[in-house]
Amino acid sequence: MHRMTDPRSVTVSIYGRDYTLKGEAEAAYVQKVAALVDQKMREIADQSALASTSKVAILVAVNLADELLRERQKHQQALALLDERTGQITAFLDKEMEKL
């Protein structure tokens, strides 16, 4: 029987506010994620005249979603290339094996 572990609580600071997050990830990882969000929020706030924290957060979310989708697309392209090359190698090896 699979037993779920209790979620861990980690308090992080993002854009000057503390948040307590619960999950199964290691505290160091959660801190790293929070630091990235904080950094992105500060960059957006510095580059724009937005005073609203929620508007800054929305822009950060859009930017991070864009980065994620671009990385997923690169990953899919790499997998397709790998699949193509694997097929080529397999075909080559099959031909060479027939010669034996």
C-alpha atoms as a PDB file:
ATOM      1  CA  MET A   1       0.000   0.000   0.000  1.00  0.00           C
ATOM      2  CA  HIS A   2       1.360   3.426  -0.994  1.00  0.00           C
ATOM      3  CA  ARG A   3       1.385   5.926   1.842  1.00  0.00           C
ATOM      4  CA  MET A   4       1.273   9.653   1.093  1.00  0.00           C
ATOM      5  CA  THR A   5       3.760  11.747   3.004  1.00  0.00           C
ATOM      6  CA  ASP A   6       2.584  14.724   5.007  1.00  0.00           C
ATOM      7  CA  PRO A   7       3.088  17.987   3.141  1.00  0.00           C
ATOM      8  CA  ARG A   8       5.935  20.152   4.328  1.00  0.00           C
ATOM      9  CA  SER A   9       5.445  23.816   5.184  1.00  0.00           C
ATOM     10  CA  VAL A  10       7.985  26.324   3.946  1.00  0.00           C
ATOM     11  CA  THR A  11       7.758  30.066   4.521  1.00  0.00           C
ATOM     12  CA  VAL A  12       9.113  32.131   1.640  1.00  0.00           C
ATOM     13  CA  SER A  13       9.327  35.838   0.925  1.00  0.00           C
ATOM     14  CA  ILE A  14       8.138  37.070  -2.459  1.00  0.00           C
ATOM     15  CA  TYR A  15       8.077  40.749  -3.329  1.00  0.00           C
ATOM     16  CA  GLY A  16       8.152  41.804   0.301  1.00  0.00           C
ATOM     17  CA  ARG A  17       5.443  39.460   1.571  1.00  0.00           C
ATOM     18  CA  ASP A  18       5.767  36.179   3.404  1.00  0.00           C
ATOM     19  CA  TYR A  19       3.891  33.120   2.198  1.00  0.00           C
ATOM     20  CA  THR A  20       3.673  29.695   3.779  1.00  0.00           C
ATOM     21  CA  LEU A  21       3.637  27.037   1.084  1.00  0.00           C
ATOM     22  CA  LYS A  22       2.783  23.398   1.638  1.00  0.00           C
ATOM     23  CA  GLY A  23       3.924  20.555  -0.563  1.00  0.00           C
ATOM     24  CA  GLU A  24       6.160  17.564  -0.852  1.00  0.00           C
ATOM     25  CA  ALA A  25       9.144  19.350  -2.406  1.00  0.00           C
ATOM     26  CA  GLU A  26      12.334  19.910  -0.439  1.00  0.00           C
ATOM     27  CA  ALA A  27      12.520  23.263   1.357  1.00  0.00           C
ATOM     28  CA  ALA A  28      15.614  24.309  -0.603  1.00  0.00           C
ATOM     29  CA  TYR A  29      13.794  23.729  -3.884  1.00  0.00           C
ATOM     30  CA  VAL A  30      10.747  25.715  -2.739  1.00  0.00           C
ATOM     31  CA  GLN A  31      13.059  28.556  -1.656  1.00  0.00           C
ATOM     32  CA  LYS A  32      14.735  28.479  -5.078  1.00  0.00           C
ATOM     33  CA  VAL A  33      11.369  28.672  -6.863  1.00  0.00           C
ATOM     34  CA  ALA A  34      10.260  31.540  -4.626  1.00  0.00           C
ATOM     35  CA  ALA A  35      13.531  33.382  -5.233  1.00  0.00           C
ATOM     36  CA  LEU A  36      12.973  33.123  -8.993  1.00  0.00           C
ATOM     37  CA  VAL A  37       9.431  34.501  -8.682  1.00  0.00           C
ATOM     38  CA  ASP A  38      10.689  37.308  -6.434  1.00  0.00           C
ATOM     39  CA  GLN A  39      13.479  38.161  -8.887  1.00  0.00           C
ATOM     40  CA  LYS A  40      11.076  38.206 -11.842  1.00  0.00           C
ATOM     41  CA  MET A  41       8.598  40.397  -9.964  1.00  0.00           C
ATOM     42  CA  ARG A  42      11.306  42.896  -9.077  1.00  0.00           C
ATOM     43  CA  GLU A  43      12.573  42.953 -12.684  1.00  0.00           C
ATOM     44  CA  ILE A  44       9.079  43.608 -14.063  1.00  0.00           C
ATOM     45  CA  ALA A  45       8.396  46.270 -11.411  1.00  0.00           C
ATOM     46  CA  ASP A  46      11.704  48.004 -12.193  1.00  0.00           C
ATOM     47  CA  GLN A  47      11.051  47.948 -15.957  1.00  0.00           C
ATOM     48  CA  SER A  48       7.488  49.217 -15.822  1.00  0.00           C
ATOM     49  CA  ALA A  49       5.431  51.857 -14.094  1.00  0.00           C
ATOM     50  CA  LEU A  50       3.103  49.281 -12.570  1.00  0.00           C
ATOM     51  CA  ALA A  51       2.295  49.995  -8.959  1.00  0.00           C
ATOM     52  CA  SER A  52      -0.141  47.135  -8.522  1.00  0.00           C
ATOM     53  CA  THR A  53       1.380  43.964  -7.117  1.00  0.00           C
ATOM     54  CA  SER A  54      -1.302  41.902  -8.826  1.00  0.00           C
ATOM     55  CA  LYS A  55      -0.504  43.399 -12.240  1.00  0.00           C
ATOM     56  CA  VAL A  56       3.195  42.725 -11.712  1.00  0.00           C
ATOM     57  CA  ALA A  57       2.343  39.151 -10.703  1.00  0.00           C
ATOM     58  CA  ILE A  58       0.186  38.679 -13.823  1.00  0.00           C
ATOM     59  CA  LEU A  59       3.008  39.869 -16.087  1.00  0.00           C
ATOM     60  CA  VAL A  60       5.445  37.554 -14.307  1.00  0.00           C
ATOM     61  CA  ALA A  61       3.021  34.649 -14.738  1.00  0.00           C
ATOM     62  CA  VAL A  62       2.676  35.407 -18.462  1.00  0.00           C
ATOM     63  CA  ASN A  63       6.461  35.683 -18.893  1.00  0.00           C
ATOM     64  CA  LEU A  64       7.114  32.438 -17.001  1.00  0.00           C
ATOM     65  CA  ALA A  65       4.371  30.636 -18.960  1.00  0.00           C
ATOM     66  CA  ASP A  66       5.971  31.873 -22.190  1.00  0.00           C
ATOM     67  CA  GLU A  67       9.380  30.567 -21.065  1.00  0.00           C
ATOM     68  CA  LEU A  68       7.831  27.224 -20.106  1.00  0.00           C
ATOM     69  CA  LEU A  69       6.045  26.807 -23.439  1.00  0.00           C
ATOM     70  CA  ARG A  70       9.194  27.712 -25.394  1.00  0.00           C
ATOM     71  CA  GLU A  71      11.233  25.182 -23.398  1.00  0.00           C
ATOM     72  CA  ARG A  72       8.576  22.506 -23.949  1.00  0.00           C
ATOM     73  CA  GLN A  73       8.683  23.210 -27.680  1.00  0.00           C
ATOM     74  CA  LYS A  74      12.499  22.904 -27.697  1.00  0.00           C
ATOM     75  CA  HIS A  75      12.192  19.660 -25.740  1.00  0.00           C
ATOM     76  CA  GLN A  76       9.677  18.248 -28.229  1.00  0.00           C
ATOM     77  CA  GLN A  77      11.911  19.236 -31.144  1.00  0.00           C
ATOM     78  CA  ALA A  78      14.896  17.559 -29.487  1.00  0.00           C
ATOM     79  CA  LEU A  79      12.855  14.384 -28.903  1.00  0.00           C
ATOM     80  CA  ALA A  80      11.715  14.365 -32.535  1.00  0.00           C
ATOM     81  CA  LEU A  81      15.316  14.757 -33.724  1.00  0.00           C
ATOM     82  CA  LEU A  82      16.453  12.004 -31.381  1.00  0.00           C
ATOM     83  CA  ASP A  83      13.696   9.729 -32.656  1.00  0.00           C
ATOM     84  CA  GLU A  84      14.667  10.468 -36.267  1.00  0.00           C
ATOM     85  CA  ARG A  85      18.355   9.805 -35.621  1.00  0.00           C
ATOM     86  CA  THR A  86      17.577   6.621 -33.708  1.00  0.00           C
ATOM     87  CA  GLY A  87      15.543   5.420 -36.699  1.00  0.00           C
ATOM     88  CA  GLN A  88      18.423   6.187 -39.040  1.00  0.00           C
ATOM     89  CA  ILE A  89      20.915   4.334 -36.862  1.00  0.00           C
ATOM     90  CA  THR A  90      18.583   1.361 -36.514  1.00  0.00           C
ATOM     91  CA  ALA A  91      18.075   1.208 -40.295  1.00  0.00           C
ATOM     92  CA  PHE A  92      21.837   1.404 -40.855  1.00  0.00           C
ATOM     93  CA  LEU A  93      22.530  -1.355 -38.318  1.00  0.00           C
ATOM     94  CA  ASP A  94      19.810  -3.559 -39.806  1.00  0.00           C
ATOM     95  CA  LYS A  95      21.401  -3.184 -43.260  1.00  0.00           C
ATOM     96  CA  GLU A  96      24.837  -3.990 -41.893  1.00  0.00           C
ATOM     97  CA  MET A  97      23.521  -7.027 -40.026  1.00  0.00           C
ATOM     98  CA  GLU A  98      21.988  -8.357 -43.256  1.00  0.00           C
ATOM     99  CA  LYS A  99      25.449  -8.297 -44.838  1.00  0.00           C
ATOM    100  CA  LEU A 100      26.797 -10.654 -42.202  1.00  0.00           C
END
